[in-house]
Amino acid sequence: MPDTFDIHEYRHRMKQLKESSDSGLYENRDGVVCPVCGEPFDRLFVMRSDSHSFPENDGAAFCLLRQDDGVYLFRH
């Protein structure tokens, strides 16, 4: 099971690209590692709402839905 990730602990090592009440987007500028795989990541998206739609980027749009039993990624 991955460790928890506290955005406030690492915020000073990332650049905030976008922020709203529902989501945030950050660029990793200091080699912060992913709590899942242990490798540095490029960007971090934080979803505070239960769902979010992403426009087409790299060829496919997708949507995320968070429910009690998991997070669902729908690729269009």
N, C-alpha and C. Protein backbone atom coordinates (compact mmCIF):
# COMPACT_ATOMS: atom_id res chain seq x y z
N MET A 1 0.85 -1.18 0.00
CA MET A 1 0.00 0.00 0.00
C MET A 1 0.89 1.24 0.00
N PRO A 2 0.61 2.19 -0.87
CA PRO A 2 1.42 3.40 -0.93
C PRO A 2 1.29 4.25 0.34
N ASP A 3 2.35 5.03 0.59
CA ASP A 3 2.28 5.99 1.68
C ASP A 3 1.26 7.07 1.31
N THR A 4 0.80 7.79 2.31
CA THR A 4 -0.08 8.93 2.01
C THR A 4 0.78 10.06 1.47
N PHE A 5 0.16 10.97 0.76
CA PHE A 5 0.87 12.10 0.17
C PHE A 5 0.23 13.37 0.68
N ASP A 6 0.99 14.15 1.43
CA ASP A 6 0.51 15.42 1.97
C ASP A 6 1.06 16.54 1.10
N ILE A 7 0.20 17.13 0.28
CA ILE A 7 0.62 18.17 -0.65
C ILE A 7 1.32 19.32 0.06
N HIS A 8 0.92 19.62 1.28
CA HIS A 8 1.50 20.73 2.03
C HIS A 8 2.97 20.47 2.41
N GLU A 9 3.31 19.20 2.57
CA GLU A 9 4.68 18.84 2.91
C GLU A 9 5.64 19.07 1.73
N TYR A 10 5.14 18.95 0.52
CA TYR A 10 5.97 19.05 -0.67
C TYR A 10 5.71 20.30 -1.51
N ARG A 11 4.77 21.11 -1.12
CA ARG A 11 4.34 22.27 -1.92
C ARG A 11 5.50 23.19 -2.30
N HIS A 12 6.44 23.41 -1.42
CA HIS A 12 7.57 24.30 -1.70
C HIS A 12 8.52 23.74 -2.76
N ARG A 13 8.40 22.47 -3.10
CA ARG A 13 9.26 21.84 -4.10
C ARG A 13 8.58 21.72 -5.46
N MET A 14 7.35 22.25 -5.57
CA MET A 14 6.60 22.18 -6.82
C MET A 14 6.09 23.56 -7.20
N LYS A 15 5.89 23.75 -8.50
CA LYS A 15 5.31 25.00 -8.98
C LYS A 15 3.82 24.79 -9.23
N GLN A 16 3.01 25.66 -8.67
CA GLN A 16 1.56 25.61 -8.89
C GLN A 16 1.27 26.16 -10.27
N LEU A 17 0.64 25.33 -11.13
CA LEU A 17 0.30 25.74 -12.48
C LEU A 17 -1.14 26.24 -12.57
N LYS A 18 -2.06 25.54 -11.88
CA LYS A 18 -3.47 25.93 -11.85
C LYS A 18 -4.04 25.56 -10.50
N GLU A 19 -5.02 26.33 -10.05
CA GLU A 19 -5.66 26.05 -8.76
C GLU A 19 -7.10 26.53 -8.79
N SER A 20 -8.00 25.71 -8.30
CA SER A 20 -9.40 26.08 -8.13
C SER A 20 -9.90 25.38 -6.88
N SER A 21 -11.16 25.59 -6.56
CA SER A 21 -11.72 24.93 -5.38
C SER A 21 -11.87 23.42 -5.61
N ASP A 22 -11.95 23.00 -6.88
CA ASP A 22 -12.15 21.59 -7.21
C ASP A 22 -10.87 20.83 -7.53
N SER A 23 -9.81 21.53 -7.96
CA SER A 23 -8.61 20.82 -8.40
C SER A 23 -7.38 21.71 -8.36
N GLY A 24 -6.22 21.08 -8.48
CA GLY A 24 -4.96 21.79 -8.55
C GLY A 24 -4.00 21.04 -9.45
N LEU A 25 -3.12 21.76 -10.13
CA LEU A 25 -2.12 21.17 -11.01
C LEU A 25 -0.77 21.74 -10.64
N TYR A 26 0.21 20.86 -10.43
CA TYR A 26 1.53 21.25 -9.98
C TYR A 26 2.61 20.62 -10.86
N GLU A 27 3.71 21.34 -11.04
CA GLU A 27 4.87 20.83 -11.76
C GLU A 27 5.94 20.48 -10.73
N ASN A 28 6.48 19.28 -10.84
CA ASN A 28 7.52 18.82 -9.93
C ASN A 28 8.85 19.42 -10.38
N ARG A 29 9.43 20.27 -9.58
CA ARG A 29 10.68 20.93 -9.96
C ARG A 29 11.87 20.48 -9.11
N ASP A 30 11.64 19.48 -8.25
CA ASP A 30 12.72 19.12 -7.33
C ASP A 30 12.80 17.61 -7.07
N GLY A 31 12.35 16.80 -8.02
CA GLY A 31 12.51 15.36 -7.89
C GLY A 31 11.66 14.69 -6.83
N VAL A 32 10.53 15.28 -6.47
CA VAL A 32 9.62 14.64 -5.51
C VAL A 32 9.19 13.30 -6.12
N VAL A 33 9.20 12.24 -5.31
CA VAL A 33 8.87 10.92 -5.83
C VAL A 33 7.40 10.56 -5.61
N CYS A 34 6.88 9.77 -6.52
CA CYS A 34 5.52 9.26 -6.45
C CYS A 34 5.40 8.29 -5.27
N PRO A 35 4.36 8.44 -4.43
CA PRO A 35 4.20 7.54 -3.30
C PRO A 35 3.78 6.13 -3.72
N VAL A 36 3.38 5.95 -4.96
CA VAL A 36 2.95 4.64 -5.45
C VAL A 36 4.14 3.82 -5.94
N CYS A 37 4.96 4.40 -6.84
CA CYS A 37 6.05 3.63 -7.46
C CYS A 37 7.44 4.04 -7.00
N GLY A 38 7.56 5.19 -6.31
CA GLY A 38 8.86 5.62 -5.82
C GLY A 38 9.71 6.36 -6.83
N GLU A 39 9.19 6.60 -8.02
CA GLU A 39 9.92 7.32 -9.07
C GLU A 39 9.47 8.78 -9.10
N PRO A 40 10.38 9.69 -9.47
CA PRO A 40 9.98 11.10 -9.60
C PRO A 40 8.89 11.25 -10.67
N PHE A 41 7.95 12.14 -10.44
CA PHE A 41 6.88 12.40 -11.39
C PHE A 41 7.08 13.78 -12.00
N ASP A 42 6.43 14.03 -13.15
CA ASP A 42 6.54 15.32 -13.83
C ASP A 42 5.51 16.31 -13.31
N ARG A 43 4.26 15.86 -13.25
CA ARG A 43 3.16 16.74 -12.82
C ARG A 43 2.25 15.99 -11.86
N LEU A 44 1.59 16.76 -11.03
CA LEU A 44 0.64 16.22 -10.06
C LEU A 44 -0.70 16.92 -10.24
N PHE A 45 -1.75 16.15 -10.41
CA PHE A 45 -3.11 16.69 -10.45
C PHE A 45 -3.80 16.28 -9.17
N VAL A 46 -4.37 17.23 -8.45
CA VAL A 46 -5.10 16.97 -7.21
C VAL A 46 -6.58 17.22 -7.47
N MET A 47 -7.39 16.19 -7.26
CA MET A 47 -8.84 16.27 -7.49
C MET A 47 -9.54 16.31 -6.14
N ARG A 48 -10.26 17.39 -5.88
CA ARG A 48 -10.99 17.52 -4.61
C ARG A 48 -12.46 17.19 -4.77
N SER A 49 -12.96 17.22 -5.99
CA SER A 49 -14.36 16.89 -6.24
C SER A 49 -14.47 15.39 -6.51
N ASP A 50 -15.68 14.91 -6.67
CA ASP A 50 -15.89 13.49 -6.93
C ASP A 50 -15.71 13.11 -8.39
N SER A 51 -15.67 14.09 -9.29
CA SER A 51 -15.48 13.78 -10.71
C SER A 51 -14.77 14.93 -11.40
N HIS A 52 -14.10 14.60 -12.51
CA HIS A 52 -13.40 15.63 -13.28
C HIS A 52 -13.23 15.13 -14.71
N SER A 53 -13.46 16.01 -15.68
CA SER A 53 -13.26 15.68 -17.09
C SER A 53 -12.01 16.39 -17.59
N PHE A 54 -11.20 15.66 -18.36
CA PHE A 54 -9.98 16.20 -18.95
C PHE A 54 -10.17 16.30 -20.45
N PRO A 55 -9.79 17.42 -21.05
CA PRO A 55 -9.92 17.54 -22.50
C PRO A 55 -8.89 16.65 -23.19
N GLU A 56 -9.06 16.49 -24.48
CA GLU A 56 -8.12 15.69 -25.26
C GLU A 56 -6.72 16.27 -25.13
N ASN A 57 -5.80 15.40 -24.83
CA ASN A 57 -4.40 15.76 -24.70
C ASN A 57 -3.61 14.51 -25.03
N ASP A 58 -2.79 14.54 -26.01
CA ASP A 58 -2.07 13.36 -26.49
C ASP A 58 -3.01 12.35 -27.13
N GLY A 59 -4.14 12.81 -27.67
CA GLY A 59 -4.97 11.94 -28.48
C GLY A 59 -6.23 11.40 -27.86
N ALA A 60 -6.43 11.48 -26.55
CA ALA A 60 -7.64 10.91 -25.96
C ALA A 60 -8.09 11.73 -24.75
N ALA A 61 -9.37 12.06 -24.74
CA ALA A 61 -9.97 12.70 -23.57
C ALA A 61 -10.27 11.63 -22.53
N PHE A 62 -10.30 12.00 -21.26
CA PHE A 62 -10.69 11.04 -20.24
C PHE A 62 -11.34 11.74 -19.06
N CYS A 63 -12.07 10.96 -18.28
CA CYS A 63 -12.77 11.46 -17.09
C CYS A 63 -12.41 10.58 -15.90
N LEU A 64 -12.36 11.20 -14.72
CA LEU A 64 -12.13 10.48 -13.47
C LEU A 64 -13.37 10.57 -12.59
N LEU A 65 -13.68 9.46 -11.94
CA LEU A 65 -14.79 9.42 -10.99
C LEU A 65 -14.30 8.73 -9.73
N ARG A 66 -14.39 9.43 -8.59
CA ARG A 66 -13.99 8.84 -7.31
C ARG A 66 -15.25 8.38 -6.59
N GLN A 67 -15.24 7.12 -6.18
CA GLN A 67 -16.34 6.54 -5.40
C GLN A 67 -15.73 5.84 -4.20
N ASP A 68 -16.57 5.38 -3.30
CA ASP A 68 -16.09 4.71 -2.09
C ASP A 68 -15.20 3.50 -2.40
N ASP A 69 -15.51 2.79 -3.47
CA ASP A 69 -14.78 1.57 -3.79
C ASP A 69 -13.60 1.78 -4.73
N GLY A 70 -13.32 3.01 -5.14
CA GLY A 70 -12.16 3.24 -5.99
C GLY A 70 -12.29 4.48 -6.86
N VAL A 71 -11.25 4.72 -7.64
CA VAL A 71 -11.23 5.81 -8.62
C VAL A 71 -11.32 5.18 -9.98
N TYR A 72 -12.25 5.66 -10.80
CA TYR A 72 -12.48 5.12 -12.13
C TYR A 72 -11.96 6.10 -13.18
N LEU A 73 -11.21 5.59 -14.15
CA LEU A 73 -10.72 6.40 -15.25
C LEU A 73 -11.42 5.94 -16.52
N PHE A 74 -12.15 6.86 -17.16
CA PHE A 74 -12.87 6.57 -18.40
C PHE A 74 -12.14 7.25 -19.53
N ARG A 75 -11.60 6.49 -20.46
CA ARG A 75 -10.88 7.05 -21.61
C ARG A 75 -11.83 7.09 -22.79
N HIS A 76 -11.88 8.23 -23.48
CA HIS A 76 -12.81 8.41 -24.61
C HIS A 76 -12.06 8.38 -25.92
